[in-house]
Amino acid sequence: MIRGRQVLAVLLLGVFVYITGGLFPAFWRNLRLQRYVEGLTQTPGVAAQPPDHTRAQVAARAGELGLPVSSSDVRVEAAGASVHISVRYVMEVQFPGYTVKLHFAPSAGR
């Protein structure tokens, strides 16, 4: 009986590692985008540039990270010398027989 429990424990651990390994890259890339957005809001002069330019910068960085973000997914609000940037997007992760839709919303500023 103990052998059966050990096999089950190893099987469950394997499933956990497989799922975690499939989801981790999406969360890691989102974290990198979050850090980029935070750095961008702290960059002098960003609030003075046109919002479309900032949107394009964020969308381009997301594209470099392999994230499905377009300029329309990026919201830029400038007020005086400060700026707030928020991004909303959905990323699909494929598993055999199942697709997980992850909703992300990195933001920073003000």
PDB file of N, CA and C in Angstrom:
ATOM      1  N   MET A   1       0.822  -1.204   0.000  1.00  0.00           N
ATOM      2  CA  MET A   1       0.000   0.000   0.000  1.00  0.00           C
ATOM      3  C   MET A   1       0.867   1.270   0.000  1.00  0.00           C
ATOM      4  N   ILE A   2       1.964   1.238   0.730  1.00  0.00           N
ATOM      5  CA  ILE A   2       2.831   2.409   0.764  1.00  0.00           C
ATOM      6  C   ILE A   2       3.415   2.657  -0.626  1.00  0.00           C
ATOM      7  N   ARG A   3       3.749   1.622  -1.351  1.00  0.00           N
ATOM      8  CA  ARG A   3       4.300   1.774  -2.699  1.00  0.00           C
ATOM      9  C   ARG A   3       3.307   2.505  -3.604  1.00  0.00           C
ATOM     10  N   GLY A   4       2.027   2.192  -3.496  1.00  0.00           N
ATOM     11  CA  GLY A   4       0.999   2.857  -4.287  1.00  0.00           C
ATOM     12  C   GLY A   4       0.904   4.344  -3.960  1.00  0.00           C
ATOM     13  N   ARG A   5       1.041   4.677  -2.693  1.00  0.00           N
ATOM     14  CA  ARG A   5       1.010   6.091  -2.283  1.00  0.00           C
ATOM     15  C   ARG A   5       2.227   6.838  -2.806  1.00  0.00           C
ATOM     16  N   GLN A   6       3.365   6.167  -2.811  1.00  0.00           N
ATOM     17  CA  GLN A   6       4.579   6.804  -3.319  1.00  0.00           C
ATOM     18  C   GLN A   6       4.449   7.079  -4.811  1.00  0.00           C
ATOM     19  N   VAL A   7       3.905   6.134  -5.530  1.00  0.00           N
ATOM     20  CA  VAL A   7       3.701   6.320  -6.974  1.00  0.00           C
ATOM     21  C   VAL A   7       2.735   7.474  -7.214  1.00  0.00           C
ATOM     22  N   LEU A   8       1.668   7.531  -6.444  1.00  0.00           N
ATOM     23  CA  LEU A   8       0.688   8.615  -6.576  1.00  0.00           C
ATOM     24  C   LEU A   8       1.332   9.960  -6.253  1.00  0.00           C
ATOM     25  N   ALA A   9       2.138  10.011  -5.198  1.00  0.00           N
ATOM     26  CA  ALA A   9       2.810  11.256  -4.815  1.00  0.00           C
ATOM     27  C   ALA A   9       3.756  11.716  -5.918  1.00  0.00           C
ATOM     28  N   VAL A  10       4.516  10.796  -6.498  1.00  0.00           N
ATOM     29  CA  VAL A  10       5.433  11.141  -7.583  1.00  0.00           C
ATOM     30  C   VAL A  10       4.651  11.594  -8.813  1.00  0.00           C
ATOM     31  N   LEU A  11       3.552  10.940  -9.110  1.00  0.00           N
ATOM     32  CA  LEU A  11       2.709  11.320 -10.238  1.00  0.00           C
ATOM     33  C   LEU A  11       2.133  12.723 -10.048  1.00  0.00           C
ATOM     34  N   LEU A  12       1.616  13.001  -8.862  1.00  0.00           N
ATOM     35  CA  LEU A  12       1.070  14.338  -8.573  1.00  0.00           C
ATOM     36  C   LEU A  12       2.158  15.402  -8.625  1.00  0.00           C
ATOM     37  N   LEU A  13       3.334  15.086  -8.127  1.00  0.00           N
ATOM     38  CA  LEU A  13       4.448  16.023  -8.190  1.00  0.00           C
ATOM     39  C   LEU A  13       4.818  16.305  -9.647  1.00  0.00           C
ATOM     40  N   GLY A  14       4.814  15.274 -10.464  1.00  0.00           N
ATOM     41  CA  GLY A  14       5.110  15.443 -11.886  1.00  0.00           C
ATOM     42  C   GLY A  14       4.097  16.338 -12.579  1.00  0.00           C
ATOM     43  N   VAL A  15       2.825  16.146 -12.274  1.00  0.00           N
ATOM     44  CA  VAL A  15       1.770  16.982 -12.857  1.00  0.00           C
ATOM     45  C   VAL A  15       1.944  18.439 -12.408  1.00  0.00           C
ATOM     46  N   PHE A  16       2.243  18.626 -11.131  1.00  0.00           N
ATOM     47  CA  PHE A  16       2.461  19.980 -10.607  1.00  0.00           C
ATOM     48  C   PHE A  16       3.631  20.665 -11.319  1.00  0.00           C
ATOM     49  N   VAL A  17       4.744  19.954 -11.474  1.00  0.00           N
ATOM     50  CA  VAL A  17       5.919  20.519 -12.140  1.00  0.00           C
ATOM     51  C   VAL A  17       5.599  20.829 -13.602  1.00  0.00           C
ATOM     52  N   TYR A  18       4.858  19.961 -14.266  1.00  0.00           N
ATOM     53  CA  TYR A  18       4.494  20.180 -15.669  1.00  0.00           C
ATOM     54  C   TYR A  18       3.642  21.439 -15.826  1.00  0.00           C
ATOM     55  N   ILE A  19       2.627  21.576 -14.989  1.00  0.00           N
ATOM     56  CA  ILE A  19       1.738  22.744 -15.072  1.00  0.00           C
ATOM     57  C   ILE A  19       2.486  24.014 -14.703  1.00  0.00           C
ATOM     58  N   THR A  20       3.253  23.958 -13.628  1.00  0.00           N
ATOM     59  CA  THR A  20       4.028  25.125 -13.212  1.00  0.00           C
ATOM     60  C   THR A  20       5.012  25.533 -14.296  1.00  0.00           C
ATOM     61  N   GLY A  21       5.673  24.548 -14.901  1.00  0.00           N
ATOM     62  CA  GLY A  21       6.614  24.839 -15.977  1.00  0.00           C
ATOM     63  C   GLY A  21       5.945  25.471 -17.189  1.00  0.00           C
ATOM     64  N   GLY A  22       4.700  25.126 -17.431  1.00  0.00           N
ATOM     65  CA  GLY A  22       3.965  25.714 -18.550  1.00  0.00           C
ATOM     66  C   GLY A  22       3.497  27.134 -18.275  1.00  0.00           C
ATOM     67  N   LEU A  23       3.186  27.425 -17.018  1.00  0.00           N
ATOM     68  CA  LEU A  23       2.671  28.749 -16.658  1.00  0.00           C
ATOM     69  C   LEU A  23       3.778  29.750 -16.313  1.00  0.00           C
ATOM     70  N   PHE A  24       4.885  29.260 -15.793  1.00  0.00           N
ATOM     71  CA  PHE A  24       5.943  30.144 -15.310  1.00  0.00           C
ATOM     72  C   PHE A  24       6.433  31.155 -16.344  1.00  0.00           C
ATOM     73  N   PRO A  25       6.702  30.755 -17.602  1.00  0.00           N
ATOM     74  CA  PRO A  25       7.191  31.739 -18.575  1.00  0.00           C
ATOM     75  C   PRO A  25       6.248  32.932 -18.763  1.00  0.00           C
ATOM     76  N   ALA A  26       4.947  32.711 -18.744  1.00  0.00           N
ATOM     77  CA  ALA A  26       3.989  33.818 -18.908  1.00  0.00           C
ATOM     78  C   ALA A  26       4.089  34.788 -17.734  1.00  0.00           C
ATOM     79  N   PHE A  27       4.158  34.256 -16.529  1.00  0.00           N
ATOM     80  CA  PHE A  27       4.265  35.121 -15.353  1.00  0.00           C
ATOM     81  C   PHE A  27       5.605  35.846 -15.313  1.00  0.00           C
ATOM     82  N   TRP A  28       6.675  35.183 -15.742  1.00  0.00           N
ATOM     83  CA  TRP A  28       8.000  35.797 -15.750  1.00  0.00           C
ATOM     84  C   TRP A  28       8.044  36.953 -16.755  1.00  0.00           C
ATOM     85  N   ARG A  29       7.488  36.745 -17.956  1.00  0.00           N
ATOM     86  CA  ARG A  29       7.471  37.815 -18.957  1.00  0.00           C
ATOM     87  C   ARG A  29       6.603  38.986 -18.503  1.00  0.00           C
ATOM     88  N   ASN A  30       5.490  38.694 -17.822  1.00  0.00           N
ATOM     89  CA  ASN A  30       4.649  39.763 -17.292  1.00  0.00           C
ATOM     90  C   ASN A  30       5.414  40.560 -16.232  1.00  0.00           C
ATOM     91  N   LEU A  31       6.172  39.885 -15.399  1.00  0.00           N
ATOM     92  CA  LEU A  31       6.973  40.575 -14.384  1.00  0.00           C
ATOM     93  C   LEU A  31       8.000  41.490 -15.039  1.00  0.00           C
ATOM     94  N   ARG A  32       8.615  41.018 -16.105  1.00  0.00           N
ATOM     95  CA  ARG A  32       9.585  41.859 -16.817  1.00  0.00           C
ATOM     96  C   ARG A  32       8.912  43.080 -17.434  1.00  0.00           C
ATOM     97  N   LEU A  33       7.681  42.931 -17.957  1.00  0.00           N
ATOM     98  CA  LEU A  33       6.937  44.078 -18.483  1.00  0.00           C
ATOM     99  C   LEU A  33       6.584  45.034 -17.347  1.00  0.00           C
ATOM    100  N   GLN A  34       6.171  44.497 -16.208  1.00  0.00           N
ATOM    101  CA  GLN A  34       5.843  45.330 -15.044  1.00  0.00           C
ATOM    102  C   GLN A  34       7.053  46.181 -14.656  1.00  0.00           C
ATOM    103  N   ARG A  35       8.217  45.582 -14.586  1.00  0.00           N
ATOM    104  CA  ARG A  35       9.439  46.316 -14.227  1.00  0.00           C
ATOM    105  C   ARG A  35       9.768  47.383 -15.262  1.00  0.00           C
ATOM    106  N   TYR A  36       9.544  47.068 -16.535  1.00  0.00           N
ATOM    107  CA  TYR A  36       9.787  48.047 -17.592  1.00  0.00           C
ATOM    108  C   TYR A  36       8.855  49.247 -17.438  1.00  0.00           C
ATOM    109  N   VAL A  37       7.579  48.980 -17.197  1.00  0.00           N
ATOM    110  CA  VAL A  37       6.593  50.057 -17.034  1.00  0.00           C
ATOM    111  C   VAL A  37       6.953  50.908 -15.813  1.00  0.00           C
ATOM    112  N   GLU A  38       7.347  50.274 -14.716  1.00  0.00           N
ATOM    113  CA  GLU A  38       7.759  51.031 -13.524  1.00  0.00           C
ATOM    114  C   GLU A  38       8.949  51.933 -13.837  1.00  0.00           C
ATOM    115  N   GLY A  39       9.936  51.390 -14.535  1.00  0.00           N
ATOM    116  CA  GLY A  39      11.105  52.190 -14.895  1.00  0.00           C
ATOM    117  C   GLY A  39      10.755  53.333 -15.827  1.00  0.00           C
ATOM    118  N   LEU A  40       9.853  53.079 -16.744  1.00  0.00           N
ATOM    119  CA  LEU A  40       9.445  54.107 -17.695  1.00  0.00           C
ATOM    120  C   LEU A  40       8.738  55.266 -16.994  1.00  0.00           C
ATOM    121  N   THR A  41       7.901  54.965 -16.006  1.00  0.00           N
ATOM    122  CA  THR A  41       7.193  56.038 -15.302  1.00  0.00           C
ATOM    123  C   THR A  41       8.142  56.884 -14.463  1.00  0.00           C
ATOM    124  N   GLN A  42       9.302  56.347 -14.144  1.00  0.00           N
ATOM    125  CA  GLN A  42      10.279  57.088 -13.340  1.00  0.00           C
ATOM    126  C   GLN A  42      11.335  57.787 -14.194  1.00  0.00           C
ATOM    127  N   THR A  43      11.234  57.627 -15.508  1.00  0.00           N
ATOM    128  CA  THR A  43      12.178  58.255 -16.416  1.00  0.00           C
ATOM    129  C   THR A  43      11.794  59.717 -16.627  1.00  0.00           C
ATOM    130  N   PRO A  44      12.749  60.640 -16.406  1.00  0.00           N
ATOM    131  CA  PRO A  44      12.443  62.055 -16.617  1.00  0.00           C
ATOM    132  C   PRO A  44      12.024  62.326 -18.061  1.00  0.00           C
ATOM    133  N   GLY A  45      11.006  63.140 -18.219  1.00  0.00           N
ATOM    134  CA  GLY A  45      10.562  63.547 -19.540  1.00  0.00           C
ATOM    135  C   GLY A  45       9.491  62.669 -20.165  1.00  0.00           C
ATOM    136  N   VAL A  46       9.188  61.528 -19.584  1.00  0.00           N
ATOM    137  CA  VAL A  46       8.176  60.653 -20.169  1.00  0.00           C
ATOM    138  C   VAL A  46       6.804  61.312 -20.121  1.00  0.00           C
ATOM    139  N   ALA A  47       6.515  62.039 -19.048  1.00  0.00           N
ATOM    140  CA  ALA A  47       5.218  62.705 -18.931  1.00  0.00           C
ATOM    141  C   ALA A  47       5.050  63.793 -19.989  1.00  0.00           C
ATOM    142  N   ALA A  48       6.164  64.330 -20.476  1.00  0.00           N
ATOM    143  CA  ALA A  48       6.094  65.406 -21.464  1.00  0.00           C
ATOM    144  C   ALA A  48       5.943  64.884 -22.886  1.00  0.00           C
ATOM    145  N   GLN A  49       6.266  63.633 -23.126  1.00  0.00           N
ATOM    146  CA  GLN A  49       6.160  63.130 -24.494  1.00  0.00           C
ATOM    147  C   GLN A  49       4.716  62.734 -24.802  1.00  0.00           C
ATOM    148  N   PRO A  50       4.357  62.697 -26.064  1.00  0.00           N
ATOM    149  CA  PRO A  50       2.974  62.353 -26.438  1.00  0.00           C
ATOM    150  C   PRO A  50       2.596  60.957 -25.936  1.00  0.00           C
ATOM    151  N   PRO A  51       1.368  60.791 -25.440  1.00  0.00           N
ATOM    152  CA  PRO A  51       0.926  59.478 -24.959  1.00  0.00           C
ATOM    153  C   PRO A  51       1.051  58.373 -26.009  1.00  0.00           C
ATOM    154  N   ASP A  52       0.828  58.713 -27.289  1.00  0.00           N
ATOM    155  CA  ASP A  52       0.957  57.708 -28.343  1.00  0.00           C
ATOM    156  C   ASP A  52       2.373  57.161 -28.432  1.00  0.00           C
ATOM    157  N   HIS A  53       3.351  58.006 -28.184  1.00  0.00           N
ATOM    158  CA  HIS A  53       4.747  57.574 -28.209  1.00  0.00           C
ATOM    159  C   HIS A  53       5.024  56.599 -27.062  1.00  0.00           C
ATOM    160  N   THR A  54       4.520  56.915 -25.875  1.00  0.00           N
ATOM    161  CA  THR A  54       4.696  56.041 -24.720  1.00  0.00           C
ATOM    162  C   THR A  54       3.976  54.716 -24.935  1.00  0.00           C
ATOM    163  N   ARG A  55       2.760  54.785 -25.473  1.00  0.00           N
ATOM    164  CA  ARG A  55       2.010  53.559 -25.787  1.00  0.00           C
ATOM    165  C   ARG A  55       2.801  52.667 -26.730  1.00  0.00           C
ATOM    166  N   ALA A  56       3.377  53.276 -27.758  1.00  0.00           N
ATOM    167  CA  ALA A  56       4.152  52.520 -28.741  1.00  0.00           C
ATOM    168  C   ALA A  56       5.390  51.895 -28.096  1.00  0.00           C
ATOM    169  N   GLN A  57       6.034  52.623 -27.180  1.00  0.00           N
ATOM    170  CA  GLN A  57       7.205  52.092 -26.484  1.00  0.00           C
ATOM    171  C   GLN A  57       6.842  50.849 -25.672  1.00  0.00           C
ATOM    172  N   VAL A  58       5.750  50.937 -24.928  1.00  0.00           N
ATOM    173  CA  VAL A  58       5.325  49.818 -24.080  1.00  0.00           C
ATOM    174  C   VAL A  58       4.918  48.633 -24.940  1.00  0.00           C
ATOM    175  N   ALA A  59       4.171  48.878 -26.006  1.00  0.00           N
ATOM    176  CA  ALA A  59       3.749  47.789 -26.892  1.00  0.00           C
ATOM    177  C   ALA A  59       4.956  47.136 -27.567  1.00  0.00           C
ATOM    178  N   ALA A  60       5.945  47.939 -27.940  1.00  0.00           N
ATOM    179  CA  ALA A  60       7.150  47.387 -28.566  1.00  0.00           C
ATOM    180  C   ALA A  60       7.917  46.514 -27.578  1.00  0.00           C
ATOM    181  N   ARG A  61       8.050  46.967 -26.345  1.00  0.00           N
ATOM    182  CA  ARG A  61       8.751  46.165 -25.332  1.00  0.00           C
ATOM    183  C   ARG A  61       8.000  44.865 -25.062  1.00  0.00           C
ATOM    184  N   ALA A  62       6.683  44.948 -24.986  1.00  0.00           N
ATOM    185  CA  ALA A  62       5.880  43.737 -24.784  1.00  0.00           C
ATOM    186  C   ALA A  62       6.078  42.765 -25.946  1.00  0.00           C
ATOM    187  N   GLY A  63       6.151  43.290 -27.157  1.00  0.00           N
ATOM    188  CA  GLY A  63       6.399  42.448 -28.318  1.00  0.00           C
ATOM    189  C   GLY A  63       7.756  41.765 -28.236  1.00  0.00           C
ATOM    190  N   GLU A  64       8.763  42.490 -27.755  1.00  0.00           N
ATOM    191  CA  GLU A  64      10.093  41.898 -27.573  1.00  0.00           C
ATOM    192  C   GLU A  64      10.052  40.753 -26.564  1.00  0.00           C
ATOM    193  N   LEU A  65       9.167  40.871 -25.581  1.00  0.00           N
ATOM    194  CA  LEU A  65       9.037  39.843 -24.552  1.00  0.00           C
ATOM    195  C   LEU A  65       8.122  38.697 -24.996  1.00  0.00           C
ATOM    196  N   GLY A  66       7.524  38.832 -26.178  1.00  0.00           N
ATOM    197  CA  GLY A  66       6.638  37.791 -26.680  1.00  0.00           C
ATOM    198  C   GLY A  66       5.255  37.834 -26.073  1.00  0.00           C
ATOM    199  N   LEU A  67       4.829  39.013 -25.642  1.00  0.00           N
ATOM    200  CA  LEU A  67       3.510  39.172 -25.029  1.00  0.00           C
ATOM    201  C   LEU A  67       2.522  39.728 -26.047  1.00  0.00           C
ATOM    202  N   PRO A  68       1.279  39.271 -26.027  1.00  0.00           N
ATOM    203  CA  PRO A  68       0.272  39.723 -26.988  1.00  0.00           C
ATOM    204  C   PRO A  68      -0.339  41.067 -26.595  1.00  0.00           C
ATOM    205  N   VAL A  69       0.466  42.132 -26.676  1.00  0.00           N
ATOM    206  CA  VAL A  69       0.020  43.465 -26.286  1.00  0.00           C
ATOM    207  C   VAL A  69       0.088  44.376 -27.502  1.00  0.00           C
ATOM    208  N   SER A  70      -1.006  45.088 -27.771  1.00  0.00           N
ATOM    209  CA  SER A  70      -1.004  46.090 -28.833  1.00  0.00           C
ATOM    210  C   SER A  70      -1.105  47.468 -28.184  1.00  0.00           C
ATOM    211  N   SER A  71      -0.922  48.497 -28.975  1.00  0.00           N
ATOM    212  CA  SER A  71      -1.005  49.871 -28.444  1.00  0.00           C
ATOM    213  C   SER A  71      -2.358  50.152 -27.811  1.00  0.00           C
ATOM    214  N   SER A  72      -3.410  49.532 -28.320  1.00  0.00           N
ATOM    215  CA  SER A  72      -4.745  49.765 -27.762  1.00  0.00           C
ATOM    216  C   SER A  72      -4.910  49.134 -26.372  1.00  0.00           C
ATOM    217  N   ASP A  73      -4.011  48.221 -25.985  1.00  0.00           N
ATOM    218  CA  ASP A  73      -4.061  47.603 -24.660  1.00  0.00           C
ATOM    219  C   ASP A  73      -3.360  48.448 -23.601  1.00  0.00           C
ATOM    220  N   VAL A  74      -2.700  49.525 -24.034  1.00  0.00           N
ATOM    221  CA  VAL A  74      -1.905  50.360 -23.141  1.00  0.00           C
ATOM    222  C   VAL A  74      -2.629  51.678 -22.899  1.00  0.00           C
ATOM    223  N   ARG A  75      -2.741  52.053 -21.640  1.00  0.00           N
ATOM    224  CA  ARG A  75      -3.390  53.321 -21.277  1.00  0.00           C
ATOM    225  C   ARG A  75      -2.347  54.214 -20.613  1.00  0.00           C
ATOM    226  N   VAL A  76      -2.230  55.451 -21.090  1.00  0.00           N
ATOM    227  CA  VAL A  76      -1.247  56.404 -20.565  1.00  0.00           C
ATOM    228  C   VAL A  76      -1.983  57.652 -20.122  1.00  0.00           C
ATOM    229  N   GLU A  77      -1.772  58.037 -18.859  1.00  0.00           N
ATOM    230  CA  GLU A  77      -2.372  59.252 -18.316  1.00  0.00           C
ATOM    231  C   GLU A  77      -1.265  60.126 -17.743  1.00  0.00           C
ATOM    232  N   ALA A  78      -1.091  61.299 -18.328  1.00  0.00           N
ATOM    233  CA  ALA A  78      -0.076  62.234 -17.850  1.00  0.00           C
ATOM    234  C   ALA A  78      -0.756  63.374 -17.112  1.00  0.00           C
ATOM    235  N   ALA A  79      -0.179  63.732 -15.971  1.00  0.00           N
ATOM    236  CA  ALA A  79      -0.682  64.859 -15.179  1.00  0.00           C
ATOM    237  C   ALA A  79       0.520  65.605 -14.625  1.00  0.00           C
ATOM    238  N   GLY A  80       0.793  66.743 -15.221  1.00  0.00           N
ATOM    239  CA  GLY A  80       1.941  67.512 -14.785  1.00  0.00           C
ATOM    240  C   GLY A  80       3.230  66.771 -15.102  1.00  0.00           C
ATOM    241  N   ALA A  81       4.049  66.570 -14.070  1.00  0.00           N
ATOM    242  CA  ALA A  81       5.328  65.899 -14.259  1.00  0.00           C
ATOM    243  C   ALA A  81       5.246  64.398 -14.005  1.00  0.00           C
ATOM    244  N   SER A  82       4.055  63.888 -13.747  1.00  0.00           N
ATOM    245  CA  SER A  82       3.928  62.459 -13.476  1.00  0.00           C
ATOM    246  C   SER A  82       3.102  61.776 -14.564  1.00  0.00           C
ATOM    247  N   VAL A  83       3.284  60.478 -14.662  1.00  0.00           N
ATOM    248  CA  VAL A  83       2.559  59.700 -15.671  1.00  0.00           C
ATOM    249  C   VAL A  83       2.143  58.372 -15.043  1.00  0.00           C
ATOM    250  N   HIS A  84       0.969  57.893 -15.455  1.00  0.00           N
ATOM    251  CA  HIS A  84       0.480  56.587 -15.018  1.00  0.00           C
ATOM    252  C   HIS A  84       0.283  55.739 -16.268  1.00  0.00           C
ATOM    253  N   ILE A  85       0.873  54.548 -16.252  1.00  0.00           N
ATOM    254  CA  ILE A  85       0.762  53.632 -17.385  1.00  0.00           C
ATOM    255  C   ILE A  85       0.120  52.346 -16.891  1.00  0.00           C
ATOM    256  N   SER A  86      -0.902  51.882 -17.599  1.00  0.00           N
ATOM    257  CA  SER A  86      -1.523  50.600 -17.267  1.00  0.00           C
ATOM    258  C   SER A  86      -1.699  49.798 -18.555  1.00  0.00           C
ATOM    259  N   VAL A  87      -1.537  48.506 -18.425  1.00  0.00           N
ATOM    260  CA  VAL A  87      -1.630  47.599 -19.559  1.00  0.00           C
ATOM    261  C   VAL A  87      -2.577  46.468 -19.166  1.00  0.00           C
ATOM    262  N   ARG A  88      -3.461  46.101 -20.053  1.00  0.00           N
ATOM    263  CA  ARG A  88      -4.355  44.956 -19.821  1.00  0.00           C
ATOM    264  C   ARG A  88      -4.285  44.051 -21.037  1.00  0.00           C
ATOM    265  N   TYR A  89      -4.022  42.772 -20.769  1.00  0.00           N
ATOM    266  CA  TYR A  89      -3.977  41.816 -21.871  1.00  0.00           C
ATOM    267  C   TYR A  89      -4.257  40.411 -21.353  1.00  0.00           C
ATOM    268  N   VAL A  90      -4.589  39.540 -22.286  1.00  0.00           N
ATOM    269  CA  VAL A  90      -4.876  38.132 -21.979  1.00  0.00           C
ATOM    270  C   VAL A  90      -3.869  37.291 -22.747  1.00  0.00           C
ATOM    271  N   MET A  91      -3.289  36.335 -22.052  1.00  0.00           N
ATOM    272  CA  MET A  91      -2.326  35.432 -22.676  1.00  0.00           C
ATOM    273  C   MET A  91      -2.834  34.008 -22.538  1.00  0.00           C
ATOM    274  N   GLU A  92      -2.823  33.284 -23.629  1.00  0.00           N
ATOM    275  CA  GLU A  92      -3.278  31.897 -23.606  1.00  0.00           C
ATOM    276  C   GLU A  92      -2.082  30.963 -23.500  1.00  0.00           C
ATOM    277  N   VAL A  93      -2.188  29.994 -22.594  1.00  0.00           N
ATOM    278  CA  VAL A  93      -1.169  28.959 -22.435  1.00  0.00           C
ATOM    279  C   VAL A  93      -1.825  27.632 -22.798  1.00  0.00           C
ATOM    280  N   GLN A  94      -1.235  26.940 -23.754  1.00  0.00           N
ATOM    281  CA  GLN A  94      -1.798  25.693 -24.265  1.00  0.00           C
ATOM    282  C   GLN A  94      -1.241  24.493 -23.508  1.00  0.00           C
ATOM    283  N   PHE A  95      -2.127  23.649 -23.042  1.00  0.00           N
ATOM    284  CA  PHE A  95      -1.789  22.340 -22.497  1.00  0.00           C
ATOM    285  C   PHE A  95      -2.539  21.319 -23.342  1.00  0.00           C
ATOM    286  N   PRO A  96      -2.075  20.080 -23.364  1.00  0.00           N
ATOM    287  CA  PRO A  96      -2.804  19.074 -24.145  1.00  0.00           C
ATOM    288  C   PRO A  96      -4.266  18.961 -23.695  1.00  0.00           C
ATOM    289  N   GLY A  97      -5.170  19.311 -24.587  1.00  0.00           N
ATOM    290  CA  GLY A  97      -6.591  19.205 -24.296  1.00  0.00           C
ATOM    291  C   GLY A  97      -7.178  20.347 -23.490  1.00  0.00           C
ATOM    292  N   TYR A  98      -6.370  21.371 -23.158  1.00  0.00           N
ATOM    293  CA  TYR A  98      -6.895  22.462 -22.337  1.00  0.00           C
ATOM    294  C   TYR A  98      -6.090  23.734 -22.580  1.00  0.00           C
ATOM    295  N   THR A  99      -6.780  24.860 -22.638  1.00  0.00           N
ATOM    296  CA  THR A  99      -6.139  26.156 -22.802  1.00  0.00           C
ATOM    297  C   THR A  99      -6.457  27.008 -21.587  1.00  0.00           C
ATOM    298  N   VAL A 100      -5.417  27.594 -21.002  1.00  0.00           N
ATOM    299  CA  VAL A 100      -5.584  28.481 -19.853  1.00  0.00           C
ATOM    300  C   VAL A 100      -5.457  29.916 -20.337  1.00  0.00           C
ATOM    301  N   LYS A 101      -6.431  30.754 -19.987  1.00  0.00           N
ATOM    302  CA  LYS A 101      -6.370  32.173 -20.326  1.00  0.00           C
ATOM    303  C   LYS A 101      -5.959  32.936 -19.070  1.00  0.00           C
ATOM    304  N   LEU A 102      -4.782  33.556 -19.140  1.00  0.00           N
ATOM    305  CA  LEU A 102      -4.264  34.323 -18.018  1.00  0.00           C
ATOM    306  C   LEU A 102      -4.499  35.811 -18.288  1.00  0.00           C
ATOM    307  N   HIS A 103      -5.111  36.493 -17.356  1.00  0.00           N
ATOM    308  CA  HIS A 103      -5.396  37.930 -17.477  1.00  0.00           C
ATOM    309  C   HIS A 103      -4.357  38.692 -16.667  1.00  0.00           C
ATOM    310  N   PHE A 104      -3.650  39.609 -17.338  1.00  0.00           N
ATOM    311  CA  PHE A 104      -2.618  40.389 -16.676  1.00  0.00           C
ATOM    312  C   PHE A 104      -2.950  41.875 -16.778  1.00  0.00           C
ATOM    313  N   ALA A 105      -2.517  42.646 -15.772  1.00  0.00           N
ATOM    314  CA  ALA A 105      -2.768  44.087 -15.750  1.00  0.00           C
ATOM    315  C   ALA A 105      -1.619  44.821 -15.049  1.00  0.00           C
ATOM    316  N   PRO A 106      -0.412  44.813 -15.637  1.00  0.00           N
ATOM    317  CA  PRO A 106       0.676  45.573 -15.014  1.00  0.00           C
ATOM    318  C   PRO A 106       0.406  47.071 -15.126  1.00  0.00           C
ATOM    319  N   SER A 107       0.795  47.804 -14.073  1.00  0.00           N
ATOM    320  CA  SER A 107       0.633  49.261 -14.101  1.00  0.00           C
ATOM    321  C   SER A 107       1.623  49.889 -13.135  1.00  0.00           C
ATOM    322  N   ALA A 108       1.868  51.175 -13.335  1.00  0.00           N
ATOM    323  CA  ALA A 108       2.788  51.912 -12.469  1.00  0.00           C
ATOM    324  C   ALA A 108       2.569  53.411 -12.679  1.00  0.00           C
ATOM    325  N   GLY A 109       3.056  54.171 -11.719  1.00  0.00           N
ATOM    326  CA  GLY A 109       3.026  55.626 -11.833  1.00  0.00           C
ATOM    327  C   GLY A 109       2.104  56.294 -10.864  1.00  0.00           C
ATOM    328  N   ARG A 110       2.237  57.607 -10.855  1.00  0.00           N
ATOM    329  CA  ARG A 110       1.454  58.516 -10.022  1.00  0.00           C
ATOM    330  C   ARG A 110       1.366  58.057  -8.631  1.00  0.00           C
TER     331      ARG A 110
END
